[in-house]
Protein backbone atom coordinates (compact mmCIF):
# COMPACT_ATOMS: atom_id res chain seq x y z
CA UNK A 1 52.05 93.86 18.90
CA UNK A 2 54.36 91.87 21.11
CA UNK A 3 55.40 92.88 24.62
CA UNK A 4 58.85 94.04 23.55
CA UNK A 5 57.32 96.41 20.99
CA UNK A 6 55.04 97.86 23.65
CA UNK A 7 58.01 98.36 25.95
CA UNK A 8 59.97 100.21 23.28
CA UNK A 9 57.05 102.47 22.47
CA UNK A 10 56.21 103.25 26.08
CA UNK A 11 59.84 103.96 26.79
CA UNK A 12 59.79 106.61 24.09
CA UNK A 13 56.90 108.49 25.63
CA UNK A 14 54.28 106.78 23.46
CA UNK A 15 51.27 105.86 25.58
CA UNK A 16 49.14 103.00 24.25
CA UNK A 17 46.29 103.32 26.74
CA UNK A 18 42.80 104.15 25.56
CA UNK A 19 41.33 107.61 26.33
CA UNK A 20 37.72 108.66 25.85
CA UNK A 21 36.36 110.85 28.67
CA UNK A 22 37.47 114.42 29.40
CA UNK A 23 39.21 113.23 32.55
CA UNK A 24 41.10 110.55 30.63
CA UNK A 25 42.10 112.94 27.86
CA UNK A 26 43.27 115.50 30.41
CA UNK A 27 45.34 112.87 32.24
CA UNK A 28 46.88 111.76 28.95
CA UNK A 29 47.65 115.37 28.09
CA UNK A 30 49.35 115.81 31.44
CA UNK A 31 51.53 112.73 30.93
CA UNK A 32 52.43 113.86 27.42
CA UNK A 33 53.43 117.33 28.60
CA UNK A 34 55.48 115.91 31.46
CA UNK A 35 57.40 113.65 29.10
CA UNK A 36 58.17 116.50 26.73
CA UNK A 37 59.24 118.83 29.50
CA UNK A 38 61.54 116.15 30.94
CA UNK A 39 62.99 115.59 27.46
CA UNK A 40 63.79 119.29 27.07
CA UNK A 41 65.50 119.27 30.46
CA UNK A 42 67.75 116.44 29.29
CA UNK A 43 71.25 116.65 27.88
CA UNK A 44 70.08 117.13 24.29
CA UNK A 45 66.93 119.07 25.06
CA UNK A 46 68.20 122.25 23.42
CA UNK A 47 68.49 120.37 20.11
CA UNK A 48 64.77 119.51 19.90
CA UNK A 49 62.88 121.36 17.19
CA UNK A 50 59.44 119.80 17.79
CA UNK A 51 57.71 116.57 18.78
CA UNK A 52 56.22 114.50 16.00
CA UNK A 53 52.95 112.56 15.85
CA UNK A 54 54.56 109.59 17.57
CA UNK A 55 55.51 111.84 20.46
CA UNK A 56 59.20 111.58 19.69
CA UNK A 57 61.57 114.56 19.72
CA UNK A 58 62.73 115.69 16.28
CA UNK A 59 65.83 117.86 15.90
CA UNK A 60 65.15 119.22 12.42
CA UNK A 61 62.32 121.06 10.76
CA UNK A 62 59.68 118.94 9.04
CA UNK A 63 58.82 119.91 5.47
CA UNK A 64 55.94 117.45 5.26
CA UNK A 65 52.76 119.22 4.11
CA UNK A 66 50.06 118.82 6.78
CA UNK A 67 47.66 117.12 4.37
CA UNK A 68 50.32 114.49 3.67
CA UNK A 69 50.72 113.77 7.37
CA UNK A 70 46.94 113.43 7.61
CA UNK A 71 46.98 111.10 4.62
CA UNK A 72 49.42 108.75 6.39
CA UNK A 73 47.36 108.78 9.58
CA UNK A 74 44.06 108.06 7.84
CA UNK A 75 45.31 105.28 5.58
CA UNK A 76 45.89 101.67 6.64
CA UNK A 77 49.43 100.96 7.87
CA UNK A 78 51.60 99.07 5.40
CA UNK A 79 53.02 95.79 6.63
CA UNK A 80 55.06 92.93 5.21
CA UNK A 81 55.10 89.37 6.56
CA UNK A 82 57.69 88.57 9.21
CA UNK A 83 60.65 86.82 7.67
CA UNK A 84 60.03 88.30 4.21
CA UNK A 85 63.09 89.22 2.16
CA UNK A 86 62.16 92.92 2.30
CA UNK A 87 61.14 93.01 5.97
CA UNK A 88 64.21 94.88 7.22
CA UNK A 89 64.12 97.31 4.29
CA UNK A 90 60.44 98.02 4.97
CA UNK A 91 61.02 98.65 8.69
CA UNK A 92 63.87 101.06 8.03
CA UNK A 93 61.90 103.00 5.41
CA UNK A 94 58.82 103.27 7.62
CA UNK A 95 60.81 104.26 10.69
CA UNK A 96 62.53 107.07 8.80
CA UNK A 97 59.29 108.23 7.18
CA UNK A 98 57.28 108.31 10.42
CA UNK A 99 59.81 110.70 11.98
CA UNK A 100 58.41 113.47 9.76
CA UNK A 101 54.73 112.70 10.19
CA UNK A 102 53.45 115.73 12.09
CA UNK A 103 50.61 116.25 14.53
CA UNK A 104 47.81 117.92 12.58
CA UNK A 105 44.32 119.35 12.87
CA UNK A 106 41.74 119.22 10.10
CA UNK A 107 38.79 121.60 10.09
CA UNK A 108 36.23 119.19 8.69
CA UNK A 109 33.22 120.86 10.39
CA UNK A 110 31.98 117.53 11.68
CA UNK A 111 31.81 115.98 8.19
CA UNK A 112 33.25 112.57 7.37
CA UNK A 113 36.81 112.67 6.10
CA UNK A 114 37.02 111.06 2.62
CA UNK A 115 38.56 107.60 2.51
CA UNK A 116 39.66 107.72 -1.12
CA UNK A 117 43.36 108.75 -1.21
CA UNK A 118 42.90 111.24 -4.04
CA UNK A 119 39.76 112.78 -2.56
CA UNK A 120 41.35 112.89 0.88
CA UNK A 121 44.35 114.89 -0.29
CA UNK A 122 42.14 117.27 -2.24
CA UNK A 123 39.71 117.70 0.67
CA UNK A 124 42.45 118.26 3.24
CA UNK A 125 44.51 120.68 1.14
CA UNK A 126 43.26 123.93 2.70
CA UNK A 127 41.66 122.47 5.81
CA UNK A 128 44.67 120.96 7.57
CA UNK A 129 47.42 122.60 9.63
CA UNK A 130 50.37 121.39 11.68
CA UNK A 131 49.62 121.19 15.38
CA UNK A 132 52.67 121.44 17.65
CA UNK A 133 52.96 121.87 21.39
CA UNK A 134 55.27 124.70 22.40
CA UNK A 135 58.05 122.30 23.29
CA UNK A 136 61.00 122.84 20.99
CA UNK A 137 62.83 125.57 19.13
CA UNK A 138 60.12 125.96 16.47
CA UNK A 139 58.17 128.21 18.83
CA UNK A 140 61.01 130.71 18.89
CA UNK A 141 60.71 131.27 15.13
CA UNK A 142 58.09 133.85 14.12
CA UNK A 143 58.24 132.57 10.56
CA UNK A 144 57.40 129.00 11.54
CA UNK A 145 54.69 130.04 13.98
CA UNK A 146 52.72 131.56 11.08
CA UNK A 147 52.17 128.12 9.54
CA UNK A 148 51.78 126.03 12.72
CA UNK A 149 48.83 125.96 15.10
CA UNK A 150 49.85 126.12 18.74
CA UNK A 151 48.67 123.09 20.74
CA UNK A 152 47.79 124.67 24.08
CA UNK A 153 46.58 121.43 25.64
CA UNK A 154 42.93 122.50 25.58
CA UNK A 155 40.81 119.39 26.22
CA UNK A 156 37.66 121.10 24.93
CA UNK A 157 39.47 121.83 21.67
CA UNK A 158 40.62 118.19 21.44
CA UNK A 159 37.04 116.97 21.83
CA UNK A 160 35.43 119.49 19.45
CA UNK A 161 33.32 117.48 16.97
CA UNK A 162 33.87 120.06 14.24
CA UNK A 163 37.60 119.23 14.21
CA UNK A 164 39.77 116.23 13.57
CA UNK A 165 42.66 116.36 16.05
CA UNK A 166 45.59 114.15 15.14
CA UNK A 167 48.17 114.83 17.81
CA UNK A 168 48.79 111.15 18.52
CA UNK A 169 47.15 110.72 21.90
CA UNK A 170 43.58 111.97 21.50
CA UNK A 171 41.23 108.99 21.12
CA UNK A 172 37.92 110.81 20.66
CA UNK A 173 38.64 112.35 17.26
CA UNK A 174 38.11 111.60 13.58
CA UNK A 175 41.88 111.15 13.15
CA UNK A 176 43.56 107.99 14.41
CA UNK A 177 45.52 108.05 17.62
CA UNK A 178 48.75 106.15 18.19
CA UNK A 179 46.84 103.45 20.03
CA UNK A 180 44.35 103.01 17.20
CA UNK A 181 47.02 102.92 14.52
CA UNK A 182 49.24 100.46 16.38
CA UNK A 183 46.31 98.12 17.05
CA UNK A 184 45.36 98.36 13.38
CA UNK A 185 48.95 97.62 12.38
CA UNK A 186 49.04 94.66 14.76
CA UNK A 187 45.90 93.15 13.18
CA UNK A 188 47.24 93.66 9.64
CA UNK A 189 50.59 92.14 10.61
CA UNK A 190 48.87 89.05 11.99
CA UNK A 191 46.86 88.71 8.78
CA UNK A 192 49.96 89.09 6.58
CA UNK A 193 51.83 86.45 8.58
CA UNK A 194 48.89 84.07 8.35
CA UNK A 195 48.67 84.51 4.58
CA UNK A 196 52.39 83.83 4.25
CA UNK A 197 52.09 80.58 6.21
CA UNK A 198 49.14 79.51 4.08
CA UNK A 199 51.01 80.33 0.86
CA UNK A 200 54.03 78.36 2.09
CA UNK A 201 51.86 75.24 2.43
CA UNK A 202 50.47 75.45 -1.12
CA UNK A 203 51.92 73.10 -3.78
CA UNK A 204 54.80 74.69 -5.66
CA UNK A 205 54.44 72.65 -8.85
CA UNK A 206 51.49 71.73 -11.03
CA UNK A 207 52.55 68.10 -10.70
CA UNK A 208 51.93 68.28 -6.99
CA UNK A 209 48.28 69.10 -7.65
CA UNK A 210 47.70 65.89 -9.62
CA UNK A 211 46.32 62.89 -7.85
CA UNK A 212 48.68 59.88 -7.76
CA UNK A 213 47.70 57.16 -10.25
CA UNK A 214 48.70 53.56 -10.96
CA UNK A 215 51.27 53.03 -13.74
CA UNK A 216 49.75 51.95 -17.04
CA UNK A 217 50.20 48.30 -18.02
CA UNK A 218 51.32 49.48 -21.49
CA UNK A 219 54.69 50.38 -20.03
CA UNK A 220 55.43 46.65 -19.79
CA UNK A 221 54.71 45.95 -23.49
CA UNK A 222 57.66 44.71 -25.57
CA UNK A 223 58.12 45.05 -29.32
CA UNK A 224 58.73 41.86 -31.35
CA UNK A 225 62.26 42.87 -32.39
CA UNK A 226 63.23 43.29 -28.75
CA UNK A 227 62.63 39.62 -27.98
């Protein structure tokens, strides 16, 4: 990820630092809470419904099932080579889609989360719930609070090995954090760009694969009636 991308992410409250110890997780939690509280104090703070997995304020309710959010977080990020004809289209689609990827918790009881997409969705169906902090109007709705687990900022809960906490900033969990996903995306982007450059250098025609040869002497033969 280039420096400009890091600046844009950090400026949106997305922290790319790596957290492992209880002290680090608690410090990250504090920064996250401070950012959200400052956002709510802003001019458009009363419009915020919740904060998504990326840590960005969202003004509308998310109808994404929690297991689908988990699916996105557990799978490899999709990338296209820079300069590809569909690069802009891909970026717009992904940016819009990631808005409604929610923070989630999966009760996996310490077991490995399946990597197969079909098995993952089936496994997570009744084990995964949305996991919002209290920042936003969602907390004022009794109906919504029935289906959403309240993120109270409990570091011990974040680090519980029987859970997979995917709130975006916890590094010590079975679910990817923002840092882990962005680093993964950066590596995949580099690989896609490298493959594109390699493909560009390959011969485009079968004729280009053939080794050059000397013209046959038969081309200089002349029929008797041409003399």
